Structure formats: C-alpha cells, structure tokens
Amino acid sequence: EELLALIGERPPCVELVITGRRADPRIIEAADLVTEMREVKHYYQCGVPCRKGIES
C-alpha cells in the first residue's frame, strides 16, 4: 500500500526504479514501464555463493 501511494504521489519529473520478484499486479498496473528479466548466465552455476544483502 505504501509503495502504491508513493507511485501515485510522485511528481511528474521523478523517475522511480523498483526492483524485485513477484510484483503485485497493482504495482504493474500503476507503472509506466515494466521489464521482465530472465537469467542467461549466473555465477551460481560455477559454485559462487550468494552475497548477503544482495541475493539473500
């Protein structure tokens, strides 16, 4: 709810970049641009562990 309010109240000159997984459909509807990314190559495949605060 807070994020939806922020999106709705932002001035026209402000750009918001919101990242994450499993976006609420209401956020997608409120957004001007939505990009879906897919993994092509990831260092996990080479045994590199996740980084605290980044992937975990």
PDB file of N, CA and C in Angstrom:
ATOM      1  N   GLU A   1       0.821  -1.192   0.000  1.00  0.00           N
ATOM      2  CA  GLU A   1       0.000   0.000   0.000  1.00  0.00           C
ATOM      3  C   GLU A   1       0.867   1.258   0.000  1.00  0.00           C
ATOM      4  N   GLU A   2       1.954   1.253   0.790  1.00  0.00           N
ATOM      5  CA  GLU A   2       2.837   2.419   0.845  1.00  0.00           C
ATOM      6  C   GLU A   2       3.488   2.676  -0.512  1.00  0.00           C
ATOM      7  N   LEU A   3       3.905   1.614  -1.177  1.00  0.00           N
ATOM      8  CA  LEU A   3       4.546   1.758  -2.482  1.00  0.00           C
ATOM      9  C   LEU A   3       3.559   2.298  -3.509  1.00  0.00           C
ATOM     10  N   LEU A   4       2.349   1.819  -3.491  1.00  0.00           N
ATOM     11  CA  LEU A   4       1.335   2.324  -4.414  1.00  0.00           C
ATOM     12  C   LEU A   4       1.073   3.805  -4.173  1.00  0.00           C
ATOM     13  N   ALA A   5       1.051   4.211  -2.906  1.00  0.00           N
ATOM     14  CA  ALA A   5       0.863   5.624  -2.577  1.00  0.00           C
ATOM     15  C   ALA A   5       2.032   6.453  -3.103  1.00  0.00           C
ATOM     16  N   LEU A   6       3.251   5.951  -2.917  1.00  0.00           N
ATOM     17  CA  LEU A   6       4.439   6.650  -3.403  1.00  0.00           C
ATOM     18  C   LEU A   6       4.388   6.823  -4.920  1.00  0.00           C
ATOM     19  N   ILE A   7       4.023   5.772  -5.625  1.00  0.00           N
ATOM     20  CA  ILE A   7       3.916   5.852  -7.087  1.00  0.00           C
ATOM     21  C   ILE A   7       2.876   6.901  -7.480  1.00  0.00           C
ATOM     22  N   GLY A   8       1.761   6.899  -6.810  1.00  0.00           N
ATOM     23  CA  GLY A   8       0.680   7.822  -7.139  1.00  0.00           C
ATOM     24  C   GLY A   8       0.971   9.271  -6.798  1.00  0.00           C
ATOM     25  N   GLU A   9       1.817   9.510  -5.802  1.00  0.00           N
ATOM     26  CA  GLU A   9       2.089  10.870  -5.326  1.00  0.00           C
ATOM     27  C   GLU A   9       3.356  11.480  -5.912  1.00  0.00           C
ATOM     28  N   ARG A  10       4.130  10.720  -6.665  1.00  0.00           N
ATOM     29  CA  ARG A  10       5.403  11.246  -7.159  1.00  0.00           C
ATOM     30  C   ARG A  10       5.170  12.374  -8.156  1.00  0.00           C
ATOM     31  N   PRO A  11       6.033  13.380  -8.115  1.00  0.00           N
ATOM     32  CA  PRO A  11       5.941  14.456  -9.112  1.00  0.00           C
ATOM     33  C   PRO A  11       6.256  13.913 -10.509  1.00  0.00           C
ATOM     34  N   PRO A  12       5.717  14.515 -11.545  1.00  0.00           N
ATOM     35  CA  PRO A  12       5.945  14.027 -12.913  1.00  0.00           C
ATOM     36  C   PRO A  12       7.422  13.975 -13.315  1.00  0.00           C
ATOM     37  N   CYS A  13       8.252  14.808 -12.701  1.00  0.00           N
ATOM     38  CA  CYS A  13       9.674  14.848 -13.068  1.00  0.00           C
ATOM     39  C   CYS A  13      10.501  13.791 -12.335  1.00  0.00           C
ATOM     40  N   VAL A  14       9.872  12.987 -11.478  1.00  0.00           N
ATOM     41  CA  VAL A  14      10.586  11.977 -10.689  1.00  0.00           C
ATOM     42  C   VAL A  14      10.457  10.613 -11.356  1.00  0.00           C
ATOM     43  N   GLU A  15      11.604   9.956 -11.527  1.00  0.00           N
ATOM     44  CA  GLU A  15      11.641   8.597 -12.070  1.00  0.00           C
ATOM     45  C   GLU A  15      11.853   7.625 -10.917  1.00  0.00           C
ATOM     46  N   LEU A  16      11.021   6.610 -10.795  1.00  0.00           N
ATOM     47  CA  LEU A  16      11.188   5.566  -9.784  1.00  0.00           C
ATOM     48  C   LEU A  16      11.658   4.294 -10.471  1.00  0.00           C
ATOM     49  N   VAL A  17      12.650   3.652  -9.875  1.00  0.00           N
ATOM     50  CA  VAL A  17      13.101   2.346 -10.350  1.00  0.00           C
ATOM     51  C   VAL A  17      12.854   1.373  -9.210  1.00  0.00           C
ATOM     52  N   ILE A  18      11.982   0.421  -9.421  1.00  0.00           N
ATOM     53  CA  ILE A  18      11.581  -0.536  -8.390  1.00  0.00           C
ATOM     54  C   ILE A  18      11.971  -1.923  -8.881  1.00  0.00           C
ATOM     55  N   THR A  19      12.711  -2.645  -8.057  1.00  0.00           N
ATOM     56  CA  THR A  19      13.146  -3.978  -8.452  1.00  0.00           C
ATOM     57  C   THR A  19      12.573  -5.022  -7.508  1.00  0.00           C
ATOM     58  N   GLY A  20      12.609  -6.257  -7.935  1.00  0.00           N
ATOM     59  CA  GLY A  20      12.165  -7.342  -7.075  1.00  0.00           C
ATOM     60  C   GLY A  20      11.442  -8.412  -7.863  1.00  0.00           C
ATOM     61  N   ARG A  21      11.019  -9.403  -7.140  1.00  0.00           N
ATOM     62  CA  ARG A  21      10.317 -10.541  -7.742  1.00  0.00           C
ATOM     63  C   ARG A  21       8.845 -10.510  -7.362  1.00  0.00           C
ATOM     64  N   ARG A  22       8.054 -11.191  -8.174  1.00  0.00           N
ATOM     65  CA  ARG A  22       6.633 -11.383  -7.890  1.00  0.00           C
ATOM     66  C   ARG A  22       5.918 -10.057  -7.580  1.00  0.00           C
ATOM     67  N   ALA A  23       5.996  -9.134  -8.520  1.00  0.00           N
ATOM     68  CA  ALA A  23       5.369  -7.825  -8.331  1.00  0.00           C
ATOM     69  C   ALA A  23       3.860  -7.965  -8.207  1.00  0.00           C
ATOM     70  N   ASP A  24       3.310  -7.216  -7.305  1.00  0.00           N
ATOM     71  CA  ASP A  24       1.866  -7.146  -7.137  1.00  0.00           C
ATOM     72  C   ASP A  24       1.272  -6.596  -8.438  1.00  0.00           C
ATOM     73  N   PRO A  25       0.223  -7.193  -8.950  1.00  0.00           N
ATOM     74  CA  PRO A  25      -0.388  -6.705 -10.195  1.00  0.00           C
ATOM     75  C   PRO A  25      -0.781  -5.227 -10.135  1.00  0.00           C
ATOM     76  N   ARG A  26      -1.101  -4.728  -8.954  1.00  0.00           N
ATOM     77  CA  ARG A  26      -1.458  -3.306  -8.825  1.00  0.00           C
ATOM     78  C   ARG A  26      -0.259  -2.407  -9.096  1.00  0.00           C
ATOM     79  N   ILE A  27       0.930  -2.865  -8.716  1.00  0.00           N
ATOM     80  CA  ILE A  27       2.145  -2.088  -8.980  1.00  0.00           C
ATOM     81  C   ILE A  27       2.439  -2.095 -10.475  1.00  0.00           C
ATOM     82  N   ILE A  28       2.291  -3.235 -11.108  1.00  0.00           N
ATOM     83  CA  ILE A  28       2.491  -3.320 -12.559  1.00  0.00           C
ATOM     84  C   ILE A  28       1.511  -2.398 -13.276  1.00  0.00           C
ATOM     85  N   GLU A  29       0.286  -2.373 -12.837  1.00  0.00           N
ATOM     86  CA  GLU A  29      -0.726  -1.510 -13.451  1.00  0.00           C
ATOM     87  C   GLU A  29      -0.384  -0.034 -13.270  1.00  0.00           C
ATOM     88  N   ALA A  30       0.150   0.341 -12.124  1.00  0.00           N
ATOM     89  CA  ALA A  30       0.482   1.740 -11.834  1.00  0.00           C
ATOM     90  C   ALA A  30       1.756   2.201 -12.535  1.00  0.00           C
ATOM     91  N   ALA A  31       2.593   1.273 -12.955  1.00  0.00           N
ATOM     92  CA  ALA A  31       3.883   1.612 -13.560  1.00  0.00           C
ATOM     93  C   ALA A  31       3.728   2.096 -14.993  1.00  0.00           C
ATOM     94  N   ASP A  32       4.673   2.941 -15.417  1.00  0.00           N
ATOM     95  CA  ASP A  32       4.723   3.387 -16.809  1.00  0.00           C
ATOM     96  C   ASP A  32       5.515   2.413 -17.676  1.00  0.00           C
ATOM     97  N   LEU A  33       6.471   1.713 -17.065  1.00  0.00           N
ATOM     98  CA  LEU A  33       7.342   0.792 -17.789  1.00  0.00           C
ATOM     99  C   LEU A  33       7.608  -0.414 -16.899  1.00  0.00           C
ATOM    100  N   VAL A  34       7.438  -1.608 -17.439  1.00  0.00           N
ATOM    101  CA  VAL A  34       7.709  -2.847 -16.703  1.00  0.00           C
ATOM    102  C   VAL A  34       8.605  -3.712 -17.580  1.00  0.00           C
ATOM    103  N   THR A  35       9.711  -4.174 -17.008  1.00  0.00           N
ATOM    104  CA  THR A  35      10.641  -5.041 -17.718  1.00  0.00           C
ATOM    105  C   THR A  35      10.753  -6.355 -16.975  1.00  0.00           C
ATOM    106  N   GLU A  36      10.685  -7.452 -17.696  1.00  0.00           N
ATOM    107  CA  GLU A  36      10.872  -8.775 -17.099  1.00  0.00           C
ATOM    108  C   GLU A  36      12.209  -9.317 -17.575  1.00  0.00           C
ATOM    109  N   MET A  37      13.048  -9.701 -16.629  1.00  0.00           N
ATOM    110  CA  MET A  37      14.380 -10.208 -16.961  1.00  0.00           C
ATOM    111  C   MET A  37      14.403 -11.720 -16.802  1.00  0.00           C
ATOM    112  N   ARG A  38      15.291 -12.359 -17.550  1.00  0.00           N
ATOM    113  CA  ARG A  38      15.477 -13.792 -17.383  1.00  0.00           C
ATOM    114  C   ARG A  38      16.970 -14.070 -17.305  1.00  0.00           C
ATOM    115  N   GLU A  39      17.306 -15.084 -16.557  1.00  0.00           N
ATOM    116  CA  GLU A  39      18.705 -15.466 -16.394  1.00  0.00           C
ATOM    117  C   GLU A  39      19.207 -16.167 -17.643  1.00  0.00           C
ATOM    118  N   VAL A  40      20.353 -15.728 -18.126  1.00  0.00           N
ATOM    119  CA  VAL A  40      21.028 -16.386 -19.234  1.00  0.00           C
ATOM    120  C   VAL A  40      22.263 -17.100 -18.702  1.00  0.00           C
ATOM    121  N   LYS A  41      22.985 -16.422 -17.825  1.00  0.00           N
ATOM    122  CA  LYS A  41      24.194 -16.978 -17.231  1.00  0.00           C
ATOM    123  C   LYS A  41      24.317 -16.387 -15.833  1.00  0.00           C
ATOM    124  N   HIS A  42      24.704 -17.202 -14.874  1.00  0.00           N
ATOM    125  CA  HIS A  42      24.832 -16.728 -13.498  1.00  0.00           C
ATOM    126  C   HIS A  42      26.015 -17.409 -12.837  1.00  0.00           C
ATOM    127  N   TYR A  43      26.727 -16.665 -12.007  1.00  0.00           N
ATOM    128  CA  TYR A  43      27.897 -17.232 -11.326  1.00  0.00           C
ATOM    129  C   TYR A  43      27.530 -18.326 -10.331  1.00  0.00           C
ATOM    130  N   TYR A  44      26.282 -18.446  -9.942  1.00  0.00           N
ATOM    131  CA  TYR A  44      25.858 -19.578  -9.100  1.00  0.00           C
ATOM    132  C   TYR A  44      26.199 -20.901  -9.789  1.00  0.00           C
ATOM    133  N   GLN A  45      26.096 -20.909 -11.113  1.00  0.00           N
ATOM    134  CA  GLN A  45      26.353 -22.127 -11.885  1.00  0.00           C
ATOM    135  C   GLN A  45      27.798 -22.597 -11.747  1.00  0.00           C
ATOM    136  N   CYS A  46      28.682 -21.689 -11.327  1.00  0.00           N
ATOM    137  CA  CYS A  46      30.101 -22.032 -11.121  1.00  0.00           C
ATOM    138  C   CYS A  46      30.409 -22.279  -9.653  1.00  0.00           C
ATOM    139  N   GLY A  47      29.380 -22.314  -8.804  1.00  0.00           N
ATOM    140  CA  GLY A  47      29.572 -22.596  -7.391  1.00  0.00           C
ATOM    141  C   GLY A  47      29.814 -21.381  -6.516  1.00  0.00           C
ATOM    142  N   VAL A  48      29.691 -20.172  -7.049  1.00  0.00           N
ATOM    143  CA  VAL A  48      29.875 -18.958  -6.255  1.00  0.00           C
ATOM    144  C   VAL A  48      28.642 -18.780  -5.372  1.00  0.00           C
ATOM    145  N   PRO A  49      28.820 -18.611  -4.053  1.00  0.00           N
ATOM    146  CA  PRO A  49      27.667 -18.478  -3.161  1.00  0.00           C
ATOM    147  C   PRO A  49      26.995 -17.107  -3.291  1.00  0.00           C
ATOM    148  N   CYS A  50      25.762 -17.025  -2.800  1.00  0.00           N
ATOM    149  CA  CYS A  50      25.040 -15.760  -2.825  1.00  0.00           C
ATOM    150  C   CYS A  50      25.698 -14.761  -1.876  1.00  0.00           C
ATOM    151  N   ARG A  51      25.516 -13.479  -2.176  1.00  0.00           N
ATOM    152  CA  ARG A  51      26.079 -12.408  -1.361  1.00  0.00           C
ATOM    153  C   ARG A  51      25.011 -11.898  -0.402  1.00  0.00           C
ATOM    154  N   LYS A  52      25.367 -11.811   0.865  1.00  0.00           N
ATOM    155  CA  LYS A  52      24.424 -11.357   1.886  1.00  0.00           C
ATOM    156  C   LYS A  52      23.955  -9.939   1.555  1.00  0.00           C
ATOM    157  N   GLY A  53      22.657  -9.749   1.578  1.00  0.00           N
ATOM    158  CA  GLY A  53      22.080  -8.448   1.301  1.00  0.00           C
ATOM    159  C   GLY A  53      21.875  -8.156  -0.178  1.00  0.00           C
ATOM    160  N   ILE A  54      22.416  -8.996  -1.048  1.00  0.00           N
ATOM    161  CA  ILE A  54      22.234  -8.807  -2.486  1.00  0.00           C
ATOM    162  C   ILE A  54      21.300  -9.886  -3.032  1.00  0.00           C
ATOM    163  N   GLU A  55      21.712 -11.126  -2.949  1.00  0.00           N
ATOM    164  CA  GLU A  55      20.879 -12.225  -3.439  1.00  0.00           C
ATOM    165  C   GLU A  55      20.153 -12.966  -2.317  1.00  0.00           C
ATOM    166  N   SER A  56      20.540 -12.730  -1.090  1.00  0.00           N
ATOM    167  CA  SER A  56      19.881 -13.453   0.016  1.00  0.00           C
ATOM    168  C   SER A  56      19.140 -12.507   0.919  1.00  0.00           C
TER     169      SER A  56
END
